[in-house]
Every structure is written in structure tokens, then in C-alpha cells.
PDB file of N, CA and C in Angstrom:
ATOM      1  N   GLY A   1      96.798  -3.135 101.664  1.00  0.00           N
ATOM      2  CA  GLY A   1      96.023  -2.095 100.684  1.00  0.00           C
ATOM      3  C   GLY A   1      94.621  -1.836 101.053  1.00  0.00           C
ATOM      4  N   TRP A   2      94.147  -0.793 100.567  1.00  0.00           N
ATOM      5  CA  TRP A   2      92.618  -0.641 100.867  1.00  0.00           C
ATOM      6  C   TRP A   2      91.553  -1.401 100.117  1.00  0.00           C
ATOM      7  N   SER A   3      90.575  -1.639 100.704  1.00  0.00           N
ATOM      8  CA  SER A   3      89.563  -2.325 100.192  1.00  0.00           C
ATOM      9  C   SER A   3      88.885  -1.422  98.821  1.00  0.00           C
ATOM     10  N   ASP A   4      88.176  -1.958  97.954  1.00  0.00           N
ATOM     11  CA  ASP A   4      87.579  -1.111  96.892  1.00  0.00           C
ATOM     12  C   ASP A   4      86.782  -0.113  97.521  1.00  0.00           C
ATOM     13  N   ARG A   5      85.886  -0.514  98.502  1.00  0.00           N
ATOM     14  CA  ARG A   5      84.916   0.437  99.223  1.00  0.00           C
ATOM     15  C   ARG A   5      85.781   1.529  99.735  1.00  0.00           C
ATOM     16  N   THR A   6      86.844   1.335 100.369  1.00  0.00           N
ATOM     17  CA  THR A   6      87.708   2.396 101.022  1.00  0.00           C
ATOM     18  C   THR A   6      88.220   3.241  99.952  1.00  0.00           C
ATOM     19  N   ARG A   7      88.714   2.791  98.753  1.00  0.00           N
ATOM     20  CA  ARG A   7      89.087   3.595  97.629  1.00  0.00           C
ATOM     21  C   ARG A   7      88.150   4.544  97.216  1.00  0.00           C
ATOM     22  N   ARG A   8      86.841   3.752  97.126  1.00  0.00           N
ATOM     23  CA  ARG A   8      85.697   4.652  96.654  1.00  0.00           C
ATOM     24  C   ARG A   8      85.368   5.886  97.507  1.00  0.00           C
ATOM     25  N   VAL A   9      85.340   5.620  98.900  1.00  0.00           N
ATOM     26  CA  VAL A   9      85.165   6.587  99.884  1.00  0.00           C
ATOM     27  C   VAL A   9      86.261   7.794  99.911  1.00  0.00           C
ATOM     28  N   ALA A  10      87.431   7.334  99.600  1.00  0.00           N
ATOM     29  CA  ALA A  10      88.627   8.351  99.386  1.00  0.00           C
ATOM     30  C   ALA A  10      88.418   9.201  98.236  1.00  0.00           C
ATOM     31  N   ARG A  11      88.133   8.536  97.130  1.00  0.00           N
ATOM     32  CA  ARG A  11      87.789   9.496  95.901  1.00  0.00           C
ATOM     33  C   ARG A  11      86.656  10.376  96.221  1.00  0.00           C
ATOM     34  N   TYR A  12      85.668   9.850  96.796  1.00  0.00           N
ATOM     35  CA  TYR A  12      84.377  10.703  96.995  1.00  0.00           C
ATOM     36  C   TYR A  12      84.788  12.000  97.927  1.00  0.00           C
ATOM     37  N   LEU A  13      85.375  11.621  98.916  1.00  0.00           N
ATOM     38  CA  LEU A  13      85.742  12.806  99.680  1.00  0.00           C
ATOM     39  C   LEU A  13      86.666  13.695  98.904  1.00  0.00           C
ATOM     40  N   HIS A  14      87.677  13.150  98.202  1.00  0.00           N
ATOM     41  CA  HIS A  14      88.536  14.257  97.541  1.00  0.00           C
ATOM     42  C   HIS A  14      87.801  14.810  96.557  1.00  0.00           C
ATOM     43  N   ARG A  15      86.978  14.232  95.762  1.00  0.00           N
ATOM     44  CA  ARG A  15      86.148  14.949  94.660  1.00  0.00           C
ATOM     45  C   ARG A  15      85.259  15.957  95.229  1.00  0.00           C
ATOM     46  N   SER A  16      84.472  15.538  96.252  1.00  0.00           N
ATOM     47  CA  SER A  16      83.395  16.503  96.947  1.00  0.00           C
ATOM     48  C   SER A  16      83.740  17.604  97.649  1.00  0.00           C
ATOM     49  N   TYR A  17      84.969  17.538  98.247  1.00  0.00           N
ATOM     50  CA  TYR A  17      85.296  18.566  99.158  1.00  0.00           C
ATOM     51  C   TYR A  17      86.676  19.186  98.721  1.00  0.00           C
ATOM     52  N   LEU A  18      87.133  18.957  97.579  1.00  0.00           N
ATOM     53  CA  LEU A  18      88.334  19.644  96.964  1.00  0.00           C
ATOM     54  C   LEU A  18      87.908  21.012  96.561  1.00  0.00           C
ATOM     55  N   GLY A  19      86.697  21.257  95.984  1.00  0.00           N
ATOM     56  CA  GLY A  19      86.202  22.481  95.644  1.00  0.00           C
ATOM     57  C   GLY A  19      85.853  23.378  96.835  1.00  0.00           C
ATOM     58  N   LEU A  20      85.413  22.613  97.949  1.00  0.00           N
ATOM     59  CA  LEU A  20      85.068  23.328  99.141  1.00  0.00           C
ATOM     60  C   LEU A  20      86.378  23.923  99.715  1.00  0.00           C
ATOM     61  N   ARG A  21      87.223  23.154  99.655  1.00  0.00           N
ATOM     62  CA  ARG A  21      88.580  23.693 100.269  1.00  0.00           C
ATOM     63  C   ARG A  21      89.130  24.733  99.530  1.00  0.00           C
ATOM     64  N   LYS A  22      89.076  24.832  98.098  1.00  0.00           N
ATOM     65  CA  LYS A  22      89.587  25.901  97.371  1.00  0.00           C
ATOM     66  C   LYS A  22      88.815  27.167  97.656  1.00  0.00           C
ATOM     67  N   GLN A  23      87.468  27.132  97.876  1.00  0.00           N
ATOM     68  CA  GLN A  23      86.570  28.300  98.150  1.00  0.00           C
ATOM     69  C   GLN A  23      86.816  28.830  99.438  1.00  0.00           C
ATOM     70  N   THR A  24      87.045  27.938 100.448  1.00  0.00           N
ATOM     71  CA  THR A  24      87.152  28.632 101.717  1.00  0.00           C
ATOM     72  C   THR A  24      88.440  28.586 102.397  1.00  0.00           C
ATOM     73  N   HIS A  25      89.466  27.986 101.714  1.00  0.00           N
ATOM     74  CA  HIS A  25      90.880  27.778 102.268  1.00  0.00           C
ATOM     75  C   HIS A  25      90.860  27.054 103.472  1.00  0.00           C
ATOM     76  N   GLU A  26      89.956  26.243 103.671  1.00  0.00           N
ATOM     77  CA  GLU A  26      89.988  25.340 104.800  1.00  0.00           C
ATOM     78  C   GLU A  26      90.087  23.965 104.359  1.00  0.00           C
ATOM     79  N   GLN A  27      90.699  23.064 105.235  1.00  0.00           N
ATOM     80  CA  GLN A  27      90.836  21.791 105.086  1.00  0.00           C
ATOM     81  C   GLN A  27      89.914  20.992 105.885  1.00  0.00           C
ATOM     82  N   VAL A  28      88.959  21.577 106.405  1.00  0.00           N
ATOM     83  CA  VAL A  28      87.957  20.942 107.550  1.00  0.00           C
ATOM     84  C   VAL A  28      86.730  20.713 107.004  1.00  0.00           C
ATOM     85  N   VAL A  29      86.227  19.491 107.126  1.00  0.00           N
ATOM     86  CA  VAL A  29      84.853  19.159 106.622  1.00  0.00           C
ATOM     87  C   VAL A  29      84.133  18.603 107.900  1.00  0.00           C
ATOM     88  N   ASN A  30      82.890  18.936 108.117  1.00  0.00           N
ATOM     89  CA  ASN A  30      81.967  18.406 109.159  1.00  0.00           C
ATOM     90  C   ASN A  30      81.590  17.028 108.700  1.00  0.00           C
ATOM     91  N   PHE A  31      81.835  16.038 109.417  1.00  0.00           N
ATOM     92  CA  PHE A  31      81.380  14.584 108.805  1.00  0.00           C
ATOM     93  C   PHE A  31      79.783  14.608 108.749  1.00  0.00           C
ATOM     94  N   SER A  32      79.175  15.416 109.551  1.00  0.00           N
ATOM     95  CA  SER A  32      77.557  15.543 109.447  1.00  0.00           C
ATOM     96  C   SER A  32      77.274  16.034 108.037  1.00  0.00           C
ATOM     97  N   GLN A  33      78.077  16.764 107.347  1.00  0.00           N
ATOM     98  CA  GLN A  33      77.936  17.318 105.958  1.00  0.00           C
ATOM     99  C   GLN A  33      78.053  16.100 105.050  1.00  0.00           C
ATOM    100  N   VAL A  34      78.855  15.247 105.278  1.00  0.00           N
ATOM    101  CA  VAL A  34      79.056  13.962 104.483  1.00  0.00           C
ATOM    102  C   VAL A  34      77.971  13.182 104.533  1.00  0.00           C
ATOM    103  N   LEU A  35      77.338  12.896 105.811  1.00  0.00           N
ATOM    104  CA  LEU A  35      76.294  11.956 105.997  1.00  0.00           C
ATOM    105  C   LEU A  35      74.928  12.559 105.767  1.00  0.00           C
ATOM    106  N   GLU A  36      74.706  13.865 105.484  1.00  0.00           N
ATOM    107  CA  GLU A  36      73.445  14.460 105.261  1.00  0.00           C
ATOM    108  C   GLU A  36      72.585  13.796 104.145  1.00  0.00           C
ATOM    109  N   GLY A  37      71.344  13.478 104.517  1.00  0.00           N
ATOM    110  CA  GLY A  37      70.677  12.807 103.559  1.00  0.00           C
ATOM    111  C   GLY A  37      70.722  11.134 103.267  1.00  0.00           C
ATOM    112  N   ARG A  38      71.801  10.676 104.135  1.00  0.00           N
ATOM    113  CA  ARG A  38      71.929   9.238 103.783  1.00  0.00           C
ATOM    114  C   ARG A  38      71.222   8.301 104.955  1.00  0.00           C
ATOM    115  N   VAL A  39      70.987   7.189 104.665  1.00  0.00           N
ATOM    116  CA  VAL A  39      70.405   6.281 105.468  1.00  0.00           C
ATOM    117  C   VAL A  39      71.411   5.700 106.545  1.00  0.00           C
ATOM    118  N   ARG A  40      70.886   5.067 107.619  1.00  0.00           N
ATOM    119  CA  ARG A  40      71.699   4.876 108.775  1.00  0.00           C
ATOM    120  C   ARG A  40      72.823   3.848 108.243  1.00  0.00           C
ATOM    121  N   LYS A  41      72.431   2.910 107.634  1.00  0.00           N
ATOM    122  CA  LYS A  41      73.486   1.741 107.202  1.00  0.00           C
ATOM    123  C   LYS A  41      74.551   2.449 106.536  1.00  0.00           C
ATOM    124  N   GLU A  42      74.265   3.232 105.532  1.00  0.00           N
ATOM    125  CA  GLU A  42      75.236   3.964 104.765  1.00  0.00           C
ATOM    126  C   GLU A  42      76.036   4.777 105.596  1.00  0.00           C
ATOM    127  N   CYS A  43      75.551   5.573 106.621  1.00  0.00           N
ATOM    128  CA  CYS A  43      76.161   6.277 107.652  1.00  0.00           C
ATOM    129  C   CYS A  43      77.238   5.546 108.337  1.00  0.00           C
ATOM    130  N   ALA A  44      76.681   4.282 108.765  1.00  0.00           N
ATOM    131  CA  ALA A  44      77.820   3.201 109.543  1.00  0.00           C
ATOM    132  C   ALA A  44      78.791   2.988 108.654  1.00  0.00           C
ATOM    133  N   ARG A  45      78.656   2.645 107.449  1.00  0.00           N
ATOM    134  CA  ARG A  45      79.774   2.331 106.424  1.00  0.00           C
ATOM    135  C   ARG A  45      80.794   3.401 106.427  1.00  0.00           C
ATOM    136  N   LEU A  46      80.191   4.542 105.984  1.00  0.00           N
ATOM    137  CA  LEU A  46      81.050   5.766 105.843  1.00  0.00           C
ATOM    138  C   LEU A  46      81.974   6.134 107.026  1.00  0.00           C
ATOM    139  N   PHE A  47      81.371   5.918 108.290  1.00  0.00           N
ATOM    140  CA  PHE A  47      82.069   6.121 109.417  1.00  0.00           C
ATOM    141  C   PHE A  47      83.156   5.031 109.596  1.00  0.00           C
ATOM    142  N   TYR A  48      82.848   3.910 109.405  1.00  0.00           N
ATOM    143  CA  TYR A  48      83.821   2.773 109.337  1.00  0.00           C
ATOM    144  C   TYR A  48      85.089   3.197 108.396  1.00  0.00           C
ATOM    145  N   GLU A  49      84.837   3.433 107.192  1.00  0.00           N
ATOM    146  CA  GLU A  49      85.850   3.782 106.121  1.00  0.00           C
ATOM    147  C   GLU A  49      86.475   4.950 106.470  1.00  0.00           C
ATOM    148  N   LEU A  50      85.876   5.924 107.158  1.00  0.00           N
ATOM    149  CA  LEU A  50      86.583   7.124 107.796  1.00  0.00           C
ATOM    150  C   LEU A  50      87.573   6.623 108.644  1.00  0.00           C
ATOM    151  N   LEU A  51      87.266   5.725 109.576  1.00  0.00           N
ATOM    152  CA  LEU A  51      88.407   5.172 110.514  1.00  0.00           C
ATOM    153  C   LEU A  51      89.533   4.587 109.923  1.00  0.00           C
ATOM    154  N   VAL A  52      89.235   3.735 108.794  1.00  0.00           N
ATOM    155  CA  VAL A  52      90.120   3.077 107.965  1.00  0.00           C
ATOM    156  C   VAL A  52      91.128   4.230 107.456  1.00  0.00           C
ATOM    157  N   LEU A  53      90.484   5.306 106.747  1.00  0.00           N
ATOM    158  CA  LEU A  53      91.355   6.340 106.090  1.00  0.00           C
ATOM    159  C   LEU A  53      92.209   6.966 107.175  1.00  0.00           C
ATOM    160  N   ARG A  54      91.552   7.149 108.412  1.00  0.00           N
ATOM    161  CA  ARG A  54      92.410   7.850 109.450  1.00  0.00           C
ATOM    162  C   ARG A  54      93.691   6.881 109.932  1.00  0.00           C
ATOM    163  N   THR A  55      93.286   5.547 110.174  1.00  0.00           N
ATOM    164  CA  THR A  55      94.461   4.774 110.335  1.00  0.00           C
ATOM    165  C   THR A  55      95.506   4.743 109.516  1.00  0.00           C
ATOM    166  N   THR A  56      95.299   5.053 108.191  1.00  0.00           N
ATOM    167  CA  THR A  56      96.305   4.910 107.330  1.00  0.00           C
ATOM    168  C   THR A  56      96.899   6.357 106.876  1.00  0.00           C
ATOM    169  N   SER A  57      96.513   7.287 107.925  1.00  0.00           N
ATOM    170  CA  SER A  57      96.893   8.658 107.562  1.00  0.00           C
ATOM    171  C   SER A  57      96.242   9.527 106.447  1.00  0.00           C
ATOM    172  N   TYR A  58      95.414   9.043 105.802  1.00  0.00           N
ATOM    173  CA  TYR A  58      94.857   9.677 104.529  1.00  0.00           C
ATOM    174  C   TYR A  58      94.081  11.014 104.997  1.00  0.00           C
ATOM    175  N   VAL A  59      93.284  10.803 106.134  1.00  0.00           N
ATOM    176  CA  VAL A  59      92.585  12.084 106.736  1.00  0.00           C
ATOM    177  C   VAL A  59      93.033  12.154 108.122  1.00  0.00           C
ATOM    178  N   GLY A  60      92.864  13.394 108.708  1.00  0.00           N
ATOM    179  CA  GLY A  60      93.043  13.610 110.226  1.00  0.00           C
ATOM    180  C   GLY A  60      91.547  13.583 110.601  1.00  0.00           C
ATOM    181  N   VAL A  61      91.407  13.296 111.938  1.00  0.00           N
ATOM    182  CA  VAL A  61      90.027  13.284 112.533  1.00  0.00           C
ATOM    183  C   VAL A  61      90.207  13.932 113.795  1.00  0.00           C
ATOM    184  N   GLU A  62      89.149  14.844 114.190  1.00  0.00           N
ATOM    185  CA  GLU A  62      89.144  15.540 115.515  1.00  0.00           C
ATOM    186  C   GLU A  62      87.696  15.691 115.939  1.00  0.00           C
ATOM    187  N   GLN A  63      87.502  15.320 117.179  1.00  0.00           N
ATOM    188  CA  GLN A  63      86.201  15.388 117.794  1.00  0.00           C
ATOM    189  C   GLN A  63      86.373  16.074 119.164  1.00  0.00           C
ATOM    190  N   ASN A  64      85.861  17.218 119.175  1.00  0.00           N
ATOM    191  CA  ASN A  64      86.289  18.250 120.483  1.00  0.00           C
ATOM    192  C   ASN A  64      85.351  17.751 121.665  1.00  0.00           C
ATOM    193  N   SER A  65      84.232  17.117 121.484  1.00  0.00           N
ATOM    194  CA  SER A  65      83.449  16.660 122.698  1.00  0.00           C
ATOM    195  C   SER A  65      82.793  15.469 122.448  1.00  0.00           C
ATOM    196  N   ALA A  66      82.488  14.686 123.470  1.00  0.00           N
ATOM    197  CA  ALA A  66      81.588  13.569 123.359  1.00  0.00           C
ATOM    198  C   ALA A  66      80.411  13.701 122.559  1.00  0.00           C
ATOM    199  N   TYR A  67      80.106  12.869 121.517  1.00  0.00           N
ATOM    200  CA  TYR A  67      78.901  13.047 120.787  1.00  0.00           C
ATOM    201  C   TYR A  67      78.921  14.274 119.952  1.00  0.00           C
ATOM    202  N   GLY A  68      80.135  14.870 120.015  1.00  0.00           N
ATOM    203  CA  GLY A  68      80.229  16.149 118.946  1.00  0.00           C
ATOM    204  C   GLY A  68      80.537  15.786 117.522  1.00  0.00           C
ATOM    205  N   ASP A  69      80.334  16.826 116.704  1.00  0.00           N
ATOM    206  CA  ASP A  69      80.708  16.524 115.206  1.00  0.00           C
ATOM    207  C   ASP A  69      82.022  16.070 115.110  1.00  0.00           C
ATOM    208  N   ILE A  70      82.236  15.342 114.144  1.00  0.00           N
ATOM    209  CA  ILE A  70      83.605  14.825 113.695  1.00  0.00           C
ATOM    210  C   ILE A  70      84.049  15.687 112.717  1.00  0.00           C
ATOM    211  N   LEU A  71      85.349  16.241 112.843  1.00  0.00           N
ATOM    212  CA  LEU A  71      85.924  17.155 111.975  1.00  0.00           C
ATOM    213  C   LEU A  71      87.005  16.507 111.139  1.00  0.00           C
TER     214      LEU A  71
END
């Protein structure tokens, strides 16, 4: 199962971007939007949790170029 932190990140992503999806009919969020205004340590944690969520097929991840934004 997921750790408590992974569950919190999944809930955060769901709550924060569900409204955005309904407004734009898009299911794509730039990871840079999620990280905006956060300190480096928190960004690293969120990135790790994103990878965990990807591994369990909760989210899909795409990066079109090296060092490009993660969608």
C-alpha cells in the first residue's frame, strides 16, 4: 500500500486539479504548477511521491525533452 505521505499527495493532486480539469476539459497538469512557490526540499518530496504514484498507475507522466516540464 501507499505511505501516508503518498496518500496525502494523491488527495492534494485530486482536490487541487479536479476543478482545473472540469474548466479546461484537460487532464494534463504541468508539474511546475504543482511546485510553484515551494522550497527545494518539498519539491524533491513531491517529485518522489509523483514517481510512486506513477509506479502504481495512479497518474501518467510524460516529459517531451530532457530537463523539460513534466506533464
